[in-house]
Amino acid sequence: MGINRTDGRCMDIIDREGPVAAGRLAEASGLTTAAVTAVIDRLEKAGYARRRSDPGDRRRVLVELTPLARERAGVIWGPLADLNEALGRYSVEELTLLRDFARMGRLYNEQRAAEIRELRFD
């Protein structure tokens, strides 16, 4: 979508929580309010978010995703619904085993990659 990881994470928060105040977005993301302002500016420039007045308090501004953001995210993430459906046939115990196996494999690969980076063939 042409955005960085932090902006994507903030889009996810906005998507899950609905229109949010910048302060809430900062709290949920762990970013400073200044950093959140920069995120919102970038998302607005990309056409993925917009600011609007809070109907309950016109002094407050809420941030919401645009239809363009939802459309593009749907193209990218929509097919995961098929995966969720396929995973529905497994028990919680089986899914836990699969999760643990994947984590173990990732950790092993990360450790081995670090070892390989340290190798010197001089």
Protein backbone atom coordinates (compact mmCIF):
# COMPACT_ATOMS: atom_id res chain seq x y z
CA MET A 1 0.00 0.00 0.00
CA GLY A 2 3.07 2.21 -0.05
CA ILE A 3 3.16 2.90 3.69
CA ASN A 4 5.57 1.95 6.45
CA ARG A 5 4.99 -0.60 9.21
CA THR A 6 4.09 1.99 11.86
CA ASP A 7 1.49 3.62 9.62
CA GLY A 8 0.06 0.17 8.84
CA ARG A 9 -0.15 -0.66 12.53
CA CYS A 10 -2.00 2.62 13.17
CA MET A 11 -4.38 1.87 10.30
CA ASP A 12 -5.11 -1.47 11.94
CA ILE A 13 -5.90 0.26 15.25
CA ILE A 14 -8.21 2.73 13.51
CA ASP A 15 -9.89 -0.14 11.69
CA ARG A 16 -10.45 -2.15 14.89
CA GLU A 17 -11.57 0.75 17.09
CA GLY A 18 -13.47 2.83 14.57
CA PRO A 19 -12.94 6.57 14.39
CA VAL A 20 -10.43 7.41 17.14
CA ALA A 21 -8.99 10.53 18.67
CA ALA A 22 -5.29 11.09 18.09
CA GLY A 23 -4.64 10.69 21.82
CA ARG A 24 -6.28 7.28 21.83
CA LEU A 25 -4.29 6.28 18.75
CA ALA A 26 -1.09 7.32 20.54
CA GLU A 27 -2.07 5.29 23.59
CA ALA A 28 -3.00 2.18 21.60
CA SER A 29 0.10 2.33 19.39
CA GLY A 30 2.63 3.30 22.04
CA LEU A 31 3.68 6.34 20.00
CA THR A 32 3.98 9.91 21.18
CA THR A 33 1.25 12.34 20.20
CA ALA A 34 3.75 14.14 17.95
CA ALA A 35 4.57 10.88 16.18
CA VAL A 36 0.86 10.12 15.77
CA THR A 37 0.32 13.54 14.20
CA ALA A 38 3.01 12.67 11.64
CA VAL A 39 1.39 9.27 11.02
CA ILE A 40 -2.01 10.86 10.46
CA ASP A 41 -0.50 13.44 8.12
CA ARG A 42 1.15 10.67 6.05
CA LEU A 43 -2.04 8.58 5.97
CA GLU A 44 -4.06 11.62 4.88
CA LYS A 45 -1.55 12.40 2.15
CA ALA A 46 -1.78 8.80 0.91
CA GLY A 47 -5.59 9.05 0.90
CA TYR A 48 -6.02 6.36 3.57
CA ALA A 49 -7.29 8.43 6.52
CA ARG A 50 -9.14 11.63 7.19
CA ARG A 51 -9.75 13.85 10.16
CA ARG A 52 -13.30 14.80 11.09
CA SER A 53 -14.95 16.62 13.96
CA ASP A 54 -16.24 14.53 16.84
CA PRO A 55 -20.05 14.91 16.73
CA GLY A 56 -20.12 14.73 20.54
CA ASP A 57 -17.43 17.40 21.03
CA ARG A 58 -16.64 19.62 18.05
CA ARG A 59 -13.35 20.71 19.64
CA ARG A 60 -12.09 17.15 19.33
CA VAL A 61 -10.91 15.56 16.08
CA LEU A 62 -11.39 11.92 15.17
CA VAL A 63 -9.39 9.96 12.62
CA GLU A 64 -11.10 7.44 10.36
CA LEU A 65 -10.11 5.28 7.42
CA THR A 66 -11.23 6.23 3.93
CA PRO A 67 -13.03 3.97 1.46
CA LEU A 68 -9.76 3.84 -0.52
CA ALA A 69 -7.93 2.39 2.49
CA ARG A 70 -10.62 -0.23 3.00
CA GLU A 71 -10.67 -1.12 -0.70
CA ARG A 72 -6.90 -1.60 -0.94
CA ALA A 73 -6.68 -3.45 2.37
CA GLY A 74 -9.47 -5.74 1.17
CA VAL A 75 -7.51 -6.66 -1.93
CA ILE A 76 -4.48 -7.51 0.20
CA TRP A 77 -6.03 -9.09 3.29
CA GLY A 78 -9.40 -10.31 1.99
CA PRO A 79 -8.11 -13.69 0.82
CA LEU A 80 -7.08 -14.47 4.41
CA ALA A 81 -10.75 -15.17 5.07
CA ASP A 82 -10.23 -18.40 3.12
CA LEU A 83 -7.36 -19.32 5.43
CA ASN A 84 -9.48 -18.59 8.50
CA GLU A 85 -12.17 -20.86 7.13
CA ALA A 86 -9.65 -23.65 6.51
CA LEU A 87 -8.21 -23.28 10.01
CA GLY A 88 -11.70 -23.64 11.45
CA ARG A 89 -11.53 -27.40 10.95
CA TYR A 90 -8.70 -27.75 13.50
CA SER A 91 -9.14 -28.03 17.24
CA VAL A 92 -7.66 -25.48 19.63
CA GLU A 93 -5.05 -28.07 20.65
CA GLU A 94 -4.04 -28.68 17.02
CA LEU A 95 -3.80 -24.96 16.32
CA THR A 96 -1.69 -24.49 19.45
CA LEU A 97 0.68 -27.21 18.24
CA LEU A 98 0.93 -25.57 14.80
CA ARG A 99 1.56 -22.15 16.36
CA ASP A 100 4.25 -23.50 18.66
CA PHE A 101 5.91 -25.37 15.79
CA ALA A 102 5.96 -22.24 13.63
CA ARG A 103 7.41 -20.16 16.47
CA MET A 104 10.09 -22.74 17.17
CA GLY A 105 11.04 -22.86 13.49
CA ARG A 106 11.21 -19.07 13.28
CA LEU A 107 13.43 -18.85 16.36
CA TYR A 108 15.74 -21.53 15.02
CA ASN A 109 16.01 -19.77 11.65
CA GLU A 110 16.72 -16.41 13.32
CA GLN A 111 19.42 -17.95 15.53
CA ARG A 112 21.02 -19.79 12.63
CA ALA A 113 20.94 -16.67 10.45
CA ALA A 114 22.73 -14.73 13.22
CA GLU A 115 25.37 -17.47 13.44
CA ILE A 116 25.87 -17.42 9.67
CA ARG A 117 26.28 -13.63 9.64
CA GLU A 118 29.13 -14.04 12.12
CA LEU A 119 31.00 -16.55 9.96
CA ARG A 120 34.20 -15.35 8.34
CA PHE A 121 35.75 -17.20 5.41
CA ASP A 122 38.95 -15.22 5.12
